[in-house]
N, C-alpha and C. Protein backbone atom coordinates (compact mmCIF):
# COMPACT_ATOMS: atom_id res chain seq x y z
N MET A 1 -39.41 -13.11 6.12
CA MET A 1 -38.25 -13.99 5.99
C MET A 1 -37.85 -14.25 7.44
N LYS A 2 -37.25 -15.32 7.53
CA LYS A 2 -36.68 -15.69 9.03
C LYS A 2 -35.44 -15.19 9.14
N LEU A 3 -35.11 -14.70 10.39
CA LEU A 3 -33.86 -14.02 10.71
C LEU A 3 -32.65 -14.99 10.51
N GLN A 4 -32.72 -16.17 10.88
CA GLN A 4 -31.60 -17.17 10.55
C GLN A 4 -31.28 -17.34 9.24
N PHE A 5 -32.34 -17.38 8.36
CA PHE A 5 -32.02 -17.46 6.87
C PHE A 5 -31.12 -16.40 6.35
N LEU A 6 -31.65 -15.17 6.89
CA LEU A 6 -31.02 -13.92 6.31
C LEU A 6 -29.50 -13.95 6.91
N ILE A 7 -29.27 -14.28 8.11
CA ILE A 7 -27.98 -14.39 8.59
C ILE A 7 -27.05 -15.44 7.84
N SER A 8 -27.63 -16.48 7.44
CA SER A 8 -27.04 -17.65 6.75
C SER A 8 -26.62 -17.12 5.30
N GLN A 9 -27.30 -16.03 4.73
CA GLN A 9 -26.88 -15.63 3.44
C GLN A 9 -25.62 -14.83 3.57
N LEU A 10 -25.28 -14.36 4.77
CA LEU A 10 -23.98 -13.63 4.79
C LEU A 10 -22.70 -14.53 4.82
N ILE A 11 -22.97 -15.77 4.96
CA ILE A 11 -21.96 -16.78 4.98
C ILE A 11 -21.29 -16.99 3.76
N ASP A 12 -22.01 -16.97 2.47
CA ASP A 12 -21.49 -17.19 1.10
C ASP A 12 -20.79 -15.97 0.57
N PRO A 13 -19.58 -15.84 0.66
CA PRO A 13 -19.00 -14.46 0.27
C PRO A 13 -18.78 -14.38 -1.41
N GLU A 14 -19.06 -15.48 -1.98
CA GLU A 14 -18.89 -15.60 -3.40
C GLU A 14 -19.97 -14.87 -4.17
N ASP A 15 -21.30 -14.86 -3.56
CA ASP A 15 -22.51 -14.29 -4.18
C ASP A 15 -22.67 -13.01 -3.50
N THR A 16 -21.99 -11.94 -4.13
CA THR A 16 -22.03 -10.55 -3.71
C THR A 16 -23.35 -9.97 -3.64
N HIS A 17 -24.21 -10.18 -4.79
CA HIS A 17 -25.50 -9.57 -4.84
C HIS A 17 -26.31 -10.17 -3.69
N ARG A 18 -26.30 -11.52 -3.50
CA ARG A 18 -27.16 -12.12 -2.46
C ARG A 18 -26.73 -11.68 -1.11
N THR A 19 -25.57 -11.42 -0.90
CA THR A 19 -24.91 -11.00 0.37
C THR A 19 -25.37 -9.55 0.77
N ILE A 20 -25.25 -8.64 -0.23
CA ILE A 20 -25.70 -7.31 -0.06
C ILE A 20 -27.34 -7.16 0.12
N THR A 21 -27.98 -8.08 -0.64
CA THR A 21 -29.44 -8.03 -0.42
C THR A 21 -29.83 -8.56 1.05
N ALA A 22 -29.12 -9.50 1.48
CA ALA A 22 -29.38 -10.02 2.84
C ALA A 22 -28.89 -8.94 3.86
N VAL A 23 -27.85 -8.20 3.64
CA VAL A 23 -27.39 -7.05 4.54
C VAL A 23 -28.41 -6.10 4.53
N ARG A 24 -28.96 -5.68 3.54
CA ARG A 24 -30.07 -4.53 3.54
C ARG A 24 -31.34 -5.02 4.14
N ARG A 25 -31.68 -6.31 3.97
CA ARG A 25 -32.84 -6.82 4.65
C ARG A 25 -32.68 -6.92 6.20
N LEU A 26 -31.49 -7.22 6.59
CA LEU A 26 -31.15 -7.24 7.95
C LEU A 26 -31.12 -5.97 8.63
N SER A 27 -31.15 -4.80 7.86
CA SER A 27 -31.08 -3.44 8.47
C SER A 27 -32.31 -3.29 9.42
N ALA A 28 -33.38 -3.98 9.12
CA ALA A 28 -34.50 -3.85 10.09
C ALA A 28 -34.35 -4.55 11.36
N PHE A 29 -33.35 -5.25 11.55
CA PHE A 29 -33.15 -5.94 12.64
C PHE A 29 -31.83 -5.61 13.31
N VAL A 30 -31.41 -4.41 13.14
CA VAL A 30 -29.95 -3.99 13.47
C VAL A 30 -29.76 -4.00 15.13
N ASP A 31 -30.93 -3.91 15.84
CA ASP A 31 -30.85 -3.74 17.23
C ASP A 31 -30.67 -5.31 17.88
N ASP A 32 -30.93 -6.32 17.16
CA ASP A 32 -30.78 -7.66 17.48
C ASP A 32 -29.25 -8.00 17.60
N SER A 33 -28.81 -8.57 18.80
CA SER A 33 -27.43 -8.78 19.00
C SER A 33 -26.85 -9.82 18.06
N GLN A 34 -27.68 -10.92 17.70
CA GLN A 34 -27.25 -11.83 16.72
C GLN A 34 -26.90 -11.30 15.35
N VAL A 35 -27.80 -10.42 14.93
CA VAL A 35 -27.64 -9.62 13.58
C VAL A 35 -26.44 -8.69 13.73
N MET A 36 -26.31 -7.99 14.91
CA MET A 36 -25.12 -7.09 14.84
C MET A 36 -23.77 -7.91 14.98
N ASP A 37 -23.81 -8.96 15.57
CA ASP A 37 -22.56 -9.91 15.52
C ASP A 37 -22.14 -10.23 14.15
N ALA A 38 -23.14 -10.79 13.39
CA ALA A 38 -23.02 -11.21 12.08
C ALA A 38 -22.66 -10.16 11.15
N LEU A 39 -23.13 -9.05 11.17
CA LEU A 39 -22.78 -7.88 10.39
C LEU A 39 -21.37 -7.47 10.69
N CYS A 40 -21.04 -7.28 11.95
CA CYS A 40 -19.77 -6.95 12.37
C CYS A 40 -18.70 -7.85 11.93
N ALA A 41 -18.94 -9.14 11.99
CA ALA A 41 -18.08 -10.25 11.47
C ALA A 41 -17.76 -10.10 9.89
N LEU A 42 -18.95 -9.84 9.21
CA LEU A 42 -18.86 -9.72 7.77
C LEU A 42 -18.00 -8.58 7.48
N ALA A 43 -18.16 -7.32 8.14
CA ALA A 43 -17.45 -6.15 7.95
C ALA A 43 -15.89 -6.37 8.04
N VAL A 44 -15.57 -7.24 8.97
CA VAL A 44 -13.95 -7.48 9.02
C VAL A 44 -13.36 -8.47 8.29
N ARG A 45 -14.30 -9.42 7.70
CA ARG A 45 -13.71 -10.52 6.88
C ARG A 45 -14.00 -10.42 5.42
N THR A 46 -14.93 -9.52 4.93
CA THR A 46 -15.17 -9.35 3.41
C THR A 46 -14.04 -8.70 2.79
N ILE A 47 -13.77 -9.13 1.53
CA ILE A 47 -12.70 -8.59 0.70
C ILE A 47 -13.36 -7.74 -0.31
N ARG A 48 -14.61 -7.63 -0.42
CA ARG A 48 -15.31 -6.81 -1.45
C ARG A 48 -15.80 -5.53 -0.88
N TYR A 49 -15.30 -4.52 -1.50
CA TYR A 49 -15.68 -3.11 -1.08
C TYR A 49 -17.18 -2.87 -0.92
N CYS A 50 -17.85 -3.30 -2.09
CA CYS A 50 -19.32 -2.96 -2.28
C CYS A 50 -20.04 -3.67 -0.96
N VAL A 51 -19.63 -4.89 -0.57
CA VAL A 51 -20.24 -5.52 0.52
C VAL A 51 -19.92 -4.74 1.84
N ARG A 52 -18.70 -4.39 2.16
CA ARG A 52 -18.33 -3.60 3.27
C ARG A 52 -19.04 -2.25 3.35
N GLU A 53 -19.18 -1.50 2.13
CA GLU A 53 -19.98 -0.41 2.06
C GLU A 53 -21.35 -0.51 2.49
N ALA A 54 -21.91 -1.55 2.08
CA ALA A 54 -23.38 -1.87 2.50
C ALA A 54 -23.53 -2.29 3.97
N VAL A 55 -22.59 -2.90 4.44
CA VAL A 55 -22.61 -3.36 5.85
C VAL A 55 -22.41 -2.11 6.70
N ILE A 56 -21.43 -1.18 6.26
CA ILE A 56 -21.28 0.00 7.16
C ILE A 56 -22.56 0.90 7.32
N ASP A 57 -23.25 0.98 6.04
CA ASP A 57 -24.34 1.80 5.96
C ASP A 57 -25.43 1.24 6.88
N VAL A 58 -25.57 -0.11 7.15
CA VAL A 58 -26.57 -0.72 8.02
C VAL A 58 -26.05 -0.56 9.35
N LEU A 59 -24.78 -0.68 9.68
CA LEU A 59 -24.20 -0.42 10.87
C LEU A 59 -24.43 0.80 11.64
N LYS A 60 -24.41 1.88 10.75
CA LYS A 60 -24.70 3.31 11.24
C LYS A 60 -26.00 3.45 11.96
N ALA A 61 -26.93 2.56 11.72
CA ALA A 61 -28.24 2.65 12.35
C ALA A 61 -28.05 2.36 13.87
N ASN A 62 -27.05 1.56 14.16
CA ASN A 62 -26.87 1.39 15.66
C ASN A 62 -25.26 1.44 15.95
N PRO A 63 -24.75 2.67 15.91
CA PRO A 63 -23.21 2.84 15.95
C PRO A 63 -22.73 2.39 17.20
N ALA A 64 -23.40 2.59 18.34
CA ALA A 64 -22.86 2.31 19.60
C ALA A 64 -22.61 0.65 19.67
N GLY A 65 -23.62 -0.18 19.30
CA GLY A 65 -23.51 -1.61 19.23
C GLY A 65 -22.43 -1.98 18.25
N ALA A 66 -22.30 -1.42 16.95
CA ALA A 66 -21.18 -1.73 16.10
C ALA A 66 -19.94 -1.27 16.60
N GLY A 67 -19.85 -0.11 17.11
CA GLY A 67 -18.55 0.28 17.55
C GLY A 67 -17.94 -0.37 18.67
N MET A 68 -18.75 -0.95 19.55
CA MET A 68 -18.33 -1.79 20.76
C MET A 68 -17.72 -3.10 20.15
N ARG A 69 -18.47 -3.61 19.23
CA ARG A 69 -18.04 -4.95 18.69
C ARG A 69 -16.79 -4.93 17.75
N LEU A 70 -16.72 -3.73 17.09
CA LEU A 70 -15.61 -3.59 16.16
C LEU A 70 -14.38 -3.24 17.01
N SER A 71 -14.61 -2.56 18.16
CA SER A 71 -13.49 -2.18 19.07
C SER A 71 -12.93 -3.45 19.65
N ASP A 72 -13.82 -4.39 20.00
CA ASP A 72 -13.39 -5.71 20.59
C ASP A 72 -12.55 -6.42 19.57
N TYR A 73 -12.88 -6.37 18.33
CA TYR A 73 -11.99 -7.09 17.13
C TYR A 73 -10.60 -6.47 17.33
N VAL A 74 -10.52 -4.98 17.41
CA VAL A 74 -9.28 -4.50 17.38
C VAL A 74 -8.36 -4.92 18.67
N LEU A 75 -9.18 -4.90 19.80
CA LEU A 75 -8.50 -5.18 21.06
C LEU A 75 -8.04 -6.54 21.23
N TRP A 76 -8.82 -7.54 20.84
CA TRP A 76 -8.75 -8.92 21.16
C TRP A 76 -8.41 -9.92 20.13
N SER A 77 -8.52 -9.47 18.87
CA SER A 77 -8.18 -10.47 17.72
C SER A 77 -6.72 -10.76 17.72
N LYS A 78 -6.34 -12.05 17.21
CA LYS A 78 -4.94 -12.32 17.22
C LYS A 78 -4.66 -12.17 15.69
N ILE A 79 -5.64 -11.84 14.80
CA ILE A 79 -5.34 -11.79 13.34
C ILE A 79 -5.16 -10.40 12.94
N PRO A 80 -4.07 -10.08 12.39
CA PRO A 80 -3.77 -8.58 11.98
C PRO A 80 -4.88 -8.11 11.02
N SER A 81 -5.25 -8.87 10.01
CA SER A 81 -6.11 -8.29 9.04
C SER A 81 -7.49 -8.02 9.64
N VAL A 82 -7.87 -8.86 10.66
CA VAL A 82 -9.19 -8.61 11.30
C VAL A 82 -9.05 -7.25 12.03
N ARG A 83 -7.93 -7.06 12.82
CA ARG A 83 -7.79 -5.77 13.51
C ARG A 83 -7.67 -4.49 12.62
N LYS A 84 -7.08 -4.77 11.34
CA LYS A 84 -6.93 -3.69 10.36
C LYS A 84 -8.36 -3.29 9.93
N TRP A 85 -9.10 -4.32 9.44
CA TRP A 85 -10.47 -4.01 8.94
C TRP A 85 -11.45 -3.56 9.90
N ALA A 86 -11.32 -3.94 11.15
CA ALA A 86 -12.11 -3.31 12.17
C ALA A 86 -11.82 -1.94 12.35
N LEU A 87 -10.57 -1.49 12.36
CA LEU A 87 -10.31 -0.15 12.47
C LEU A 87 -10.77 0.67 11.24
N VAL A 88 -10.59 0.06 10.13
CA VAL A 88 -11.06 0.79 8.92
C VAL A 88 -12.59 0.97 8.97
N SER A 89 -13.33 -0.03 9.48
CA SER A 89 -14.76 0.02 9.62
C SER A 89 -15.17 1.08 10.43
N LEU A 90 -14.45 1.08 11.64
CA LEU A 90 -14.66 2.27 12.64
C LEU A 90 -14.51 3.62 12.01
N GLY A 91 -13.46 3.78 11.28
CA GLY A 91 -13.24 4.95 10.59
C GLY A 91 -14.28 5.36 9.55
N LEU A 92 -14.68 4.34 8.80
CA LEU A 92 -15.79 4.58 7.89
C LEU A 92 -16.94 5.06 8.54
N MET A 93 -17.42 4.41 9.74
CA MET A 93 -18.67 4.74 10.54
C MET A 93 -18.36 6.11 11.04
N ARG A 94 -17.25 6.71 11.22
CA ARG A 94 -16.90 7.90 11.77
C ARG A 94 -17.30 7.97 13.32
N TRP A 95 -17.08 6.79 13.96
CA TRP A 95 -17.52 6.48 15.35
C TRP A 95 -16.37 7.07 16.27
N ARG A 96 -16.64 7.98 17.11
CA ARG A 96 -15.65 8.74 17.86
C ARG A 96 -15.44 8.09 19.23
N ASP A 97 -16.07 7.00 19.65
CA ASP A 97 -15.87 6.48 20.86
C ASP A 97 -14.94 5.18 20.98
N ALA A 98 -14.09 5.12 20.08
CA ALA A 98 -13.21 3.94 19.96
C ALA A 98 -11.73 4.19 20.35
N LYS A 99 -11.66 5.10 21.34
CA LYS A 99 -10.37 5.67 21.66
C LYS A 99 -9.44 4.62 21.97
N ASP A 100 -9.89 3.64 22.89
CA ASP A 100 -8.91 2.61 23.40
C ASP A 100 -8.46 1.68 22.24
N ALA A 101 -9.37 1.42 21.24
CA ALA A 101 -9.09 0.67 20.14
C ALA A 101 -8.11 1.36 19.30
N VAL A 102 -8.33 2.55 18.84
CA VAL A 102 -7.36 3.37 18.11
C VAL A 102 -5.94 3.44 18.58
N ILE A 103 -5.91 3.75 19.92
CA ILE A 103 -4.54 3.73 20.69
C ILE A 103 -3.95 2.38 20.54
N SER A 104 -4.67 1.33 20.75
CA SER A 104 -4.21 0.09 20.63
C SER A 104 -3.61 -0.22 19.29
N GLY A 105 -4.33 0.36 18.36
CA GLY A 105 -4.04 0.04 16.82
C GLY A 105 -2.64 0.81 16.47
N LEU A 106 -2.63 2.02 17.08
CA LEU A 106 -1.52 2.89 16.71
C LEU A 106 -0.16 2.27 17.28
N TYR A 107 -0.20 1.40 18.35
CA TYR A 107 0.89 0.75 18.87
C TYR A 107 1.05 -0.69 18.52
N ASP A 108 0.09 -1.07 17.57
CA ASP A 108 0.21 -2.57 17.19
C ASP A 108 1.47 -2.96 16.60
N PRO A 109 1.94 -4.26 16.74
CA PRO A 109 3.21 -4.53 16.10
C PRO A 109 3.07 -4.83 14.58
N ASP A 110 1.83 -4.87 14.03
CA ASP A 110 1.75 -5.14 12.50
C ASP A 110 1.52 -3.71 11.93
N ALA A 111 2.34 -3.61 10.81
CA ALA A 111 2.36 -2.24 10.24
C ALA A 111 1.05 -1.90 9.58
N SER A 112 0.27 -2.82 9.03
CA SER A 112 -0.95 -2.51 8.43
C SER A 112 -2.00 -2.09 9.41
N VAL A 113 -1.92 -2.53 10.48
CA VAL A 113 -2.83 -2.13 11.54
C VAL A 113 -2.57 -0.84 12.05
N ARG A 114 -1.32 -0.57 12.19
CA ARG A 114 -0.93 0.90 12.62
C ARG A 114 -1.34 1.88 11.58
N GLN A 115 -1.18 1.49 10.36
CA GLN A 115 -1.51 2.38 9.26
C GLN A 115 -3.04 2.63 9.06
N ALA A 116 -3.76 1.55 9.34
CA ALA A 116 -5.31 1.65 9.44
C ALA A 116 -5.76 2.55 10.48
N ALA A 117 -5.11 2.35 11.72
CA ALA A 117 -5.50 3.09 12.95
C ALA A 117 -5.16 4.64 12.58
N ALA A 118 -4.07 4.88 12.07
CA ALA A 118 -3.67 6.37 11.82
C ALA A 118 -4.61 7.06 10.73
N MET A 119 -4.89 6.28 9.83
CA MET A 119 -5.83 6.87 8.71
C MET A 119 -7.16 6.82 9.07
N SER A 120 -7.61 5.92 9.92
CA SER A 120 -9.05 5.95 10.44
C SER A 120 -9.43 7.00 11.45
N SER A 121 -8.26 7.29 12.28
CA SER A 121 -8.65 8.15 13.46
C SER A 121 -8.20 9.60 13.10
N THR A 122 -7.56 9.96 12.09
CA THR A 122 -7.27 11.37 11.81
C THR A 122 -8.48 12.23 11.76
N GLY A 123 -8.44 13.18 12.48
CA GLY A 123 -9.60 14.15 12.55
C GLY A 123 -10.82 13.66 13.39
N LEU A 124 -10.70 12.60 13.90
CA LEU A 124 -11.84 12.05 14.77
C LEU A 124 -11.83 12.32 16.27
N TYR A 125 -10.50 12.46 16.68
CA TYR A 125 -10.32 12.47 18.11
C TYR A 125 -9.45 13.77 18.48
N ASP A 126 -9.98 14.53 19.45
CA ASP A 126 -9.26 15.61 19.99
C ASP A 126 -8.57 15.28 21.34
N ASP A 127 -8.65 14.08 21.78
CA ASP A 127 -8.25 13.44 22.98
C ASP A 127 -6.66 13.70 22.94
N SER A 128 -6.01 14.19 24.20
CA SER A 128 -4.67 14.20 24.25
C SER A 128 -3.80 12.69 24.12
N ASP A 129 -4.43 11.75 24.54
CA ASP A 129 -3.96 10.49 24.52
C ASP A 129 -3.85 9.98 23.17
N VAL A 130 -4.89 10.28 22.29
CA VAL A 130 -4.90 9.86 20.96
C VAL A 130 -3.90 10.61 20.14
N GLN A 131 -3.91 11.86 20.46
CA GLN A 131 -3.01 12.82 19.78
C GLN A 131 -1.48 12.40 20.00
N ALA A 132 -1.22 11.99 21.35
CA ALA A 132 0.12 11.53 21.55
C ALA A 132 0.43 10.24 20.91
N ALA A 133 -0.49 9.29 20.79
CA ALA A 133 -0.35 8.11 19.99
C ALA A 133 -0.05 8.31 18.65
N LEU A 134 -0.76 9.32 18.11
CA LEU A 134 -0.57 9.60 16.61
C LEU A 134 0.73 10.27 16.48
N GLU A 135 1.09 11.13 17.23
CA GLU A 135 2.50 11.76 17.15
C GLU A 135 3.52 10.67 17.28
N HIS A 136 3.32 9.67 18.14
CA HIS A 136 4.39 8.70 18.20
C HIS A 136 4.34 7.81 16.90
N TYR A 137 3.23 7.52 16.45
CA TYR A 137 3.20 6.70 15.11
C TYR A 137 3.85 7.49 14.02
N PHE A 138 3.56 8.76 13.80
CA PHE A 138 4.10 9.60 12.65
C PHE A 138 5.73 9.74 12.95
N ALA A 139 6.07 9.92 14.21
CA ALA A 139 7.46 10.13 14.50
C ALA A 139 8.29 8.74 14.30
N ASN A 140 7.74 7.58 14.62
CA ASN A 140 8.44 6.32 14.53
C ASN A 140 8.18 5.60 13.29
N HIS A 141 7.02 5.69 12.57
CA HIS A 141 6.62 4.85 11.41
C HIS A 141 6.22 5.61 10.17
N ARG A 142 6.94 6.87 10.05
CA ARG A 142 6.64 7.64 8.96
C ARG A 142 6.69 7.06 7.57
N LEU A 143 7.54 6.02 7.47
CA LEU A 143 7.71 5.26 6.13
C LEU A 143 6.85 4.12 5.96
N ASP A 144 6.16 3.79 7.03
CA ASP A 144 5.13 2.72 6.85
C ASP A 144 4.23 2.88 5.69
N SER A 145 3.57 4.08 5.64
CA SER A 145 2.47 4.24 4.56
C SER A 145 3.17 4.09 3.20
N PRO A 146 4.18 5.07 2.85
CA PRO A 146 4.72 4.85 1.53
C PRO A 146 5.32 3.63 1.20
N LEU A 147 5.92 2.80 2.04
CA LEU A 147 6.37 1.49 1.75
C LEU A 147 5.30 0.56 1.72
N SER A 148 4.29 0.70 2.29
CA SER A 148 3.13 -0.24 2.17
C SER A 148 2.44 -0.02 0.81
N PHE A 149 2.34 1.14 0.42
CA PHE A 149 1.76 1.41 -0.89
C PHE A 149 2.74 0.82 -2.08
N ILE A 150 3.83 0.94 -1.89
CA ILE A 150 4.92 0.43 -2.82
C ILE A 150 4.86 -1.12 -2.89
N ALA A 151 4.66 -1.63 -1.74
CA ALA A 151 4.60 -3.24 -1.63
C ALA A 151 3.21 -3.61 -2.10
N GLU A 152 2.18 -2.89 -1.90
CA GLU A 152 0.80 -3.30 -2.43
C GLU A 152 0.82 -3.23 -3.84
N ASN A 153 1.47 -2.10 -4.43
CA ASN A 153 1.55 -2.06 -5.87
C ASN A 153 2.26 -3.09 -6.58
N ALA A 154 3.40 -3.45 -5.97
CA ALA A 154 4.25 -4.35 -6.61
C ALA A 154 3.54 -5.84 -6.50
N HIS A 155 2.83 -6.12 -5.32
CA HIS A 155 2.05 -7.37 -5.25
C HIS A 155 0.83 -7.32 -6.40
N THR A 156 0.19 -6.26 -6.56
CA THR A 156 -0.97 -6.09 -7.46
C THR A 156 -0.43 -6.34 -8.87
N ARG A 157 0.72 -5.79 -9.21
CA ARG A 157 1.27 -5.89 -10.58
C ARG A 157 1.88 -7.32 -10.65
N GLN A 158 2.36 -7.90 -9.68
CA GLN A 158 2.77 -9.37 -9.80
C GLN A 158 1.58 -10.23 -10.07
N ALA A 159 0.56 -10.01 -9.32
CA ALA A 159 -0.67 -10.77 -9.44
C ALA A 159 -1.27 -10.57 -10.78
N GLY A 160 -1.25 -9.33 -11.37
CA GLY A 160 -1.72 -9.08 -12.64
C GLY A 160 -0.98 -9.68 -13.74
N THR A 161 0.32 -9.86 -13.60
CA THR A 161 1.12 -10.61 -14.72
C THR A 161 0.82 -11.96 -14.75
N ARG A 162 0.46 -12.54 -13.51
CA ARG A 162 0.14 -13.93 -13.43
C ARG A 162 -1.24 -14.22 -13.87
N GLY A 163 -2.07 -13.19 -13.79
CA GLY A 163 -3.46 -13.36 -14.25
C GLY A 163 -4.36 -14.09 -13.15
N GLN A 164 -4.13 -13.75 -12.09
CA GLN A 164 -4.80 -14.43 -10.98
C GLN A 164 -5.14 -13.58 -9.79
N ASP A 165 -6.17 -13.88 -9.08
CA ASP A 165 -6.53 -13.13 -7.86
C ASP A 165 -5.49 -13.38 -6.75
N ASP A 166 -5.47 -12.46 -5.70
CA ASP A 166 -4.48 -12.56 -4.49
C ASP A 166 -4.63 -13.85 -3.89
N ASP A 167 -5.76 -14.31 -3.76
CA ASP A 167 -5.99 -15.46 -2.86
C ASP A 167 -6.09 -16.84 -3.62
N GLU A 168 -5.89 -16.78 -4.93
CA GLU A 168 -5.97 -17.92 -5.73
C GLU A 168 -4.57 -18.52 -5.83
N VAL A 169 -4.49 -19.96 -5.76
CA VAL A 169 -3.38 -20.57 -6.04
C VAL A 169 -3.65 -21.43 -7.30
N SER A 170 -2.66 -21.26 -8.21
CA SER A 170 -2.92 -22.26 -9.39
C SER A 170 -1.61 -22.85 -9.78
N THR A 171 -1.85 -23.84 -10.53
CA THR A 171 -0.63 -24.61 -11.11
C THR A 171 -0.74 -24.67 -12.56
N THR A 172 0.34 -24.69 -13.29
CA THR A 172 0.36 -24.87 -14.60
C THR A 172 1.06 -26.06 -15.17
N THR A 173 0.37 -26.86 -15.99
CA THR A 173 1.05 -28.02 -16.46
C THR A 173 1.52 -27.87 -17.85
N VAL A 174 2.68 -28.05 -18.21
CA VAL A 174 3.14 -27.89 -19.73
C VAL A 174 3.40 -29.19 -20.29
N PHE A 175 2.82 -29.45 -21.30
CA PHE A 175 2.93 -30.78 -21.96
C PHE A 175 3.91 -30.48 -23.20
N ILE A 176 5.10 -31.36 -23.19
CA ILE A 176 6.05 -31.10 -24.36
C ILE A 176 5.84 -32.19 -25.29
């Protein structure tokens, strides 16, 4: 199969099976920069856990290349959810060379990014700078985690009562 065709299969997030199959087929080309860029982009934008898990398994074959790209997402992206999922992906890869990205995440203005940095870095870094940033996070933002879990639970319950997905918007027309 052609490389461009496999990369194009990553674009359609609706077909989970096709996306995972393309990710697994791309594992043979993980040293190609174009493939690595596409896989890292998919890791930070997918909402499906099974797709992210497949991507992380493939990225582990070239952790340095993936770690650098994911760290760049943390350091340079203006979108908080991208920074958050890049940190989560770094944590899932257990990559220990993302010190600057983790410290940046721990001081991020967005609470979800700070939480992802704290949860993804715990136990990975013995560095004094990271430890100081973690101590600062826990001293100043210790309620972020419980409050975010409560907010996510409330959001999930509200979406469940409406019977729709988080990203869907629907309108109801009532005929009387």
